[in-house]
Amino acid sequence: MRMRTPVVVALIALVGTVSAAAIRAWRSSGPPSGTATQQCPAISGRWHSDGNSITLDMVQTGCNISSVFSGPTQGHVLKGGWAQGKYHFEIERTGNGCTTTMYGSLVNISDTEMTSMISSTDGKCDLGANFNEQLLWRKL
């Protein structure tokens, strides 16, 4: 079987037909890193989602993004980069002494809104490997 790149893995995960080998490849290498020469939307700033009542501060350096934020019982560290027309990210989620990693992307980005789509996890803690979530975020 031919090994897939992280970008291909992220795209396949979004449509739900991803191989175990492809997931392992992305998990070992992390999300793609954006570069300053790419055209990527500016998303730095404060964002809020009513869907999970979380507010986060997005930091952007070139086409790379990061954020550290808290949920009701977990801490989250997001990192990612721009590739293939969207931001791909991973979030390390820690709570109750357990850390799991979620994989996803940001789509439908405008100056005031964006959608996060979690497509899978590493299957640890209380989230199954097939966990998925879609949230609308509004810029504050």
C-alpha atoms as a PDB file:
ATOM      1  CA  MET A   1       0.000   0.000   0.000  1.00  0.00           C
ATOM      2  CA  ARG A   2       1.318   3.423  -0.917  1.00  0.00           C
ATOM      3  CA  MET A   3       1.777   5.783   2.061  1.00  0.00           C
ATOM      4  CA  ARG A   4      -0.378   8.910   1.861  1.00  0.00           C
ATOM      5  CA  THR A   5       0.768  12.409   2.734  1.00  0.00           C
ATOM      6  CA  PRO A   6      -0.772  14.204   5.746  1.00  0.00           C
ATOM      7  CA  VAL A   7      -2.797  16.455   3.446  1.00  0.00           C
ATOM      8  CA  VAL A   8      -4.298  13.479   1.628  1.00  0.00           C
ATOM      9  CA  VAL A   9      -4.995  11.769   4.954  1.00  0.00           C
ATOM     10  CA  ALA A  10      -6.815  14.867   6.222  1.00  0.00           C
ATOM     11  CA  LEU A  11      -8.914  15.094   3.084  1.00  0.00           C
ATOM     12  CA  ILE A  12      -9.749  11.387   3.122  1.00  0.00           C
ATOM     13  CA  ALA A  13     -10.655  11.558   6.823  1.00  0.00           C
ATOM     14  CA  LEU A  14     -13.147  14.307   6.060  1.00  0.00           C
ATOM     15  CA  VAL A  15     -15.053  12.094   3.660  1.00  0.00           C
ATOM     16  CA  GLY A  16     -14.850   9.129   6.032  1.00  0.00           C
ATOM     17  CA  THR A  17     -12.870   6.602   3.985  1.00  0.00           C
ATOM     18  CA  VAL A  18      -9.438   6.578   5.518  1.00  0.00           C
ATOM     19  CA  SER A  19      -7.145   3.592   5.982  1.00  0.00           C
ATOM     20  CA  ALA A  20      -5.507   2.714   9.282  1.00  0.00           C
ATOM     21  CA  ALA A  21      -2.066   3.171   7.659  1.00  0.00           C
ATOM     22  CA  ALA A  22      -2.995   6.662   6.513  1.00  0.00           C
ATOM     23  CA  ILE A  23      -4.180   7.659  10.000  1.00  0.00           C
ATOM     24  CA  ARG A  24      -0.912   6.355  11.492  1.00  0.00           C
ATOM     25  CA  ALA A  25       1.102   8.383   8.958  1.00  0.00           C
ATOM     26  CA  TRP A  26      -0.684  11.618   9.886  1.00  0.00           C
ATOM     27  CA  ARG A  27      -0.423  10.916  13.605  1.00  0.00           C
ATOM     28  CA  SER A  28       3.330  10.354  13.360  1.00  0.00           C
ATOM     29  CA  SER A  29       4.029  13.466  11.296  1.00  0.00           C
ATOM     30  CA  GLY A  30       1.357  15.856  12.585  1.00  0.00           C
ATOM     31  CA  PRO A  31      -0.686  18.306  10.535  1.00  0.00           C
ATOM     32  CA  PRO A  32       0.858  20.049   7.551  1.00  0.00           C
ATOM     33  CA  SER A  33       2.792  23.233   8.266  1.00  0.00           C
ATOM     34  CA  GLY A  34       1.813  26.293   6.299  1.00  0.00           C
ATOM     35  CA  THR A  35       4.375  28.549   4.715  1.00  0.00           C
ATOM     36  CA  ALA A  36       4.355  32.299   4.278  1.00  0.00           C
ATOM     37  CA  THR A  37       4.384  31.956   0.465  1.00  0.00           C
ATOM     38  CA  GLN A  38       0.948  30.307   0.435  1.00  0.00           C
ATOM     39  CA  GLN A  39      -2.296  32.275   0.171  1.00  0.00           C
ATOM     40  CA  CYS A  40      -4.082  31.706   3.471  1.00  0.00           C
ATOM     41  CA  PRO A  41      -6.843  33.683   5.186  1.00  0.00           C
ATOM     42  CA  ALA A  42      -6.013  35.773   8.253  1.00  0.00           C
ATOM     43  CA  ILE A  43      -7.772  34.190  11.232  1.00  0.00           C
ATOM     44  CA  SER A  44      -5.824  35.536  14.205  1.00  0.00           C
ATOM     45  CA  GLY A  45      -7.959  36.998  16.951  1.00  0.00           C
ATOM     46  CA  ARG A  46     -10.657  36.035  19.430  1.00  0.00           C
ATOM     47  CA  TRP A  47     -13.291  33.475  18.317  1.00  0.00           C
ATOM     48  CA  HIS A  48     -16.346  32.041  20.103  1.00  0.00           C
ATOM     49  CA  SER A  49     -18.507  28.979  19.467  1.00  0.00           C
ATOM     50  CA  ASP A  50     -21.994  28.812  20.961  1.00  0.00           C
ATOM     51  CA  GLY A  51     -21.978  25.074  20.183  1.00  0.00           C
ATOM     52  CA  ASN A  52     -19.513  24.322  22.984  1.00  0.00           C
ATOM     53  CA  SER A  53     -19.437  27.697  24.786  1.00  0.00           C
ATOM     54  CA  ILE A  54     -15.694  28.030  24.195  1.00  0.00           C
ATOM     55  CA  THR A  55     -13.831  31.239  23.409  1.00  0.00           C
ATOM     56  CA  LEU A  56     -10.297  31.000  22.067  1.00  0.00           C
ATOM     57  CA  ASP A  57      -7.520  33.329  20.948  1.00  0.00           C
ATOM     58  CA  MET A  58      -6.117  32.169  17.611  1.00  0.00           C
ATOM     59  CA  VAL A  59      -2.473  33.051  16.940  1.00  0.00           C
ATOM     60  CA  GLN A  60      -1.283  33.068  13.344  1.00  0.00           C
ATOM     61  CA  THR A  61       2.304  33.194  12.095  1.00  0.00           C
ATOM     62  CA  GLY A  62       2.366  33.154   8.314  1.00  0.00           C
ATOM     63  CA  CYS A  63       0.083  30.253   7.439  1.00  0.00           C
ATOM     64  CA  ASN A  64       0.575  28.405  10.747  1.00  0.00           C
ATOM     65  CA  ILE A  65      -2.005  28.628  13.540  1.00  0.00           C
ATOM     66  CA  SER A  66      -2.038  27.848  17.239  1.00  0.00           C
ATOM     67  CA  SER A  67      -4.221  28.350  20.285  1.00  0.00           C
ATOM     68  CA  VAL A  68      -4.372  27.261  23.921  1.00  0.00           C
ATOM     69  CA  PHE A  69      -7.874  27.201  25.409  1.00  0.00           C
ATOM     70  CA  SER A  70     -10.014  25.494  28.050  1.00  0.00           C
ATOM     71  CA  GLY A  71     -13.279  23.607  27.925  1.00  0.00           C
ATOM     72  CA  PRO A  72     -15.486  22.752  30.894  1.00  0.00           C
ATOM     73  CA  THR A  73     -13.160  19.981  32.168  1.00  0.00           C
ATOM     74  CA  GLN A  74     -10.281  19.810  29.663  1.00  0.00           C
ATOM     75  CA  GLY A  75      -7.399  21.904  28.421  1.00  0.00           C
ATOM     76  CA  HIS A  76      -6.762  22.135  24.668  1.00  0.00           C
ATOM     77  CA  VAL A  77      -3.665  22.934  22.587  1.00  0.00           C
ATOM     78  CA  LEU A  78      -4.313  23.499  18.868  1.00  0.00           C
ATOM     79  CA  LYS A  79      -1.637  23.645  16.171  1.00  0.00           C
ATOM     80  CA  GLY A  80      -1.912  23.479  12.418  1.00  0.00           C
ATOM     81  CA  GLY A  81      -1.214  24.928   9.005  1.00  0.00           C
ATOM     82  CA  TRP A  82      -2.739  25.874   5.652  1.00  0.00           C
ATOM     83  CA  ALA A  83      -2.786  23.289   2.859  1.00  0.00           C
ATOM     84  CA  GLN A  84      -5.115  22.376  -0.003  1.00  0.00           C
ATOM     85  CA  GLY A  85      -7.435  25.337   0.594  1.00  0.00           C
ATOM     86  CA  LYS A  86      -8.051  24.927   4.333  1.00  0.00           C
ATOM     87  CA  TYR A  87      -6.362  24.939   7.707  1.00  0.00           C
ATOM     88  CA  HIS A  88      -5.631  21.408   8.946  1.00  0.00           C
ATOM     89  CA  PHE A  89      -5.054  21.062  12.685  1.00  0.00           C
ATOM     90  CA  GLU A  90      -4.607  18.734  15.594  1.00  0.00           C
ATOM     91  CA  ILE A  91      -5.794  19.443  19.116  1.00  0.00           C
ATOM     92  CA  GLU A  92      -4.264  17.825  22.189  1.00  0.00           C
ATOM     93  CA  ARG A  93      -7.090  17.567  24.734  1.00  0.00           C
ATOM     94  CA  THR A  94      -6.153  16.845  28.346  1.00  0.00           C
ATOM     95  CA  GLY A  95      -8.500  16.159  31.258  1.00  0.00           C
ATOM     96  CA  ASN A  96      -8.701  13.813  34.216  1.00  0.00           C
ATOM     97  CA  GLY A  97      -5.075  12.769  33.690  1.00  0.00           C
ATOM     98  CA  CYS A  98      -5.633  11.576  30.121  1.00  0.00           C
ATOM     99  CA  THR A  99      -4.561  13.167  26.812  1.00  0.00           C
ATOM    100  CA  THR A 100      -6.136  12.477  23.439  1.00  0.00           C
ATOM    101  CA  THR A 101      -5.432  14.055  20.050  1.00  0.00           C
ATOM    102  CA  MET A 102      -8.209  15.221  17.740  1.00  0.00           C
ATOM    103  CA  TYR A 103      -7.683  15.823  13.989  1.00  0.00           C
ATOM    104  CA  GLY A 104      -9.635  18.260  11.858  1.00  0.00           C
ATOM    105  CA  SER A 105      -9.818  21.306   9.636  1.00  0.00           C
ATOM    106  CA  LEU A 106     -11.206  24.837   9.442  1.00  0.00           C
ATOM    107  CA  VAL A 107     -13.469  25.516   6.462  1.00  0.00           C
ATOM    108  CA  ASN A 108     -15.903  28.169   5.197  1.00  0.00           C
ATOM    109  CA  ILE A 109     -13.620  30.899   6.522  1.00  0.00           C
ATOM    110  CA  SER A 110     -14.736  34.522   6.264  1.00  0.00           C
ATOM    111  CA  ASP A 111     -13.785  37.689   8.143  1.00  0.00           C
ATOM    112  CA  THR A 112     -16.473  36.962  10.756  1.00  0.00           C
ATOM    113  CA  GLU A 113     -17.113  33.185  10.769  1.00  0.00           C
ATOM    114  CA  MET A 114     -15.456  29.810  10.256  1.00  0.00           C
ATOM    115  CA  THR A 115     -16.395  26.177  10.781  1.00  0.00           C
ATOM    116  CA  SER A 116     -14.241  23.627  12.585  1.00  0.00           C
ATOM    117  CA  MET A 117     -14.650  20.002  11.572  1.00  0.00           C
ATOM    118  CA  ILE A 118     -13.138  17.333  13.825  1.00  0.00           C
ATOM    119  CA  SER A 119     -12.922  14.155  11.732  1.00  0.00           C
ATOM    120  CA  SER A 120     -11.164  11.661  14.026  1.00  0.00           C
ATOM    121  CA  THR A 121      -9.074  11.153  17.164  1.00  0.00           C
ATOM    122  CA  ASP A 122      -6.333   8.827  18.338  1.00  0.00           C
ATOM    123  CA  GLY A 123      -9.044   6.905  20.239  1.00  0.00           C
ATOM    124  CA  LYS A 124      -7.671   7.577  23.709  1.00  0.00           C
ATOM    125  CA  CYS A 125      -9.534   8.699  26.834  1.00  0.00           C
ATOM    126  CA  ASP A 126     -13.286   9.169  26.442  1.00  0.00           C
ATOM    127  CA  LEU A 127     -13.326   9.915  22.683  1.00  0.00           C
ATOM    128  CA  GLY A 128     -13.552   7.097  20.163  1.00  0.00           C
ATOM    129  CA  ALA A 129     -11.370   7.101  17.038  1.00  0.00           C
ATOM    130  CA  ASN A 130     -14.417   7.920  14.887  1.00  0.00           C
ATOM    131  CA  PHE A 131     -15.478  10.941  16.987  1.00  0.00           C
ATOM    132  CA  ASN A 132     -16.484  13.858  14.805  1.00  0.00           C
ATOM    133  CA  GLU A 133     -17.815  17.322  15.547  1.00  0.00           C
ATOM    134  CA  GLN A 134     -18.694  20.388  13.520  1.00  0.00           C
ATOM    135  CA  LEU A 135     -18.822  23.823  15.168  1.00  0.00           C
ATOM    136  CA  LEU A 136     -19.520  27.328  13.912  1.00  0.00           C
ATOM    137  CA  TRP A 137     -17.126  29.981  15.279  1.00  0.00           C
ATOM    138  CA  ARG A 138     -17.793  33.732  15.209  1.00  0.00           C
ATOM    139  CA  LYS A 139     -15.103  36.376  15.492  1.00  0.00           C
ATOM    140  CA  LEU A 140     -15.482  38.647  18.524  1.00  0.00           C
END
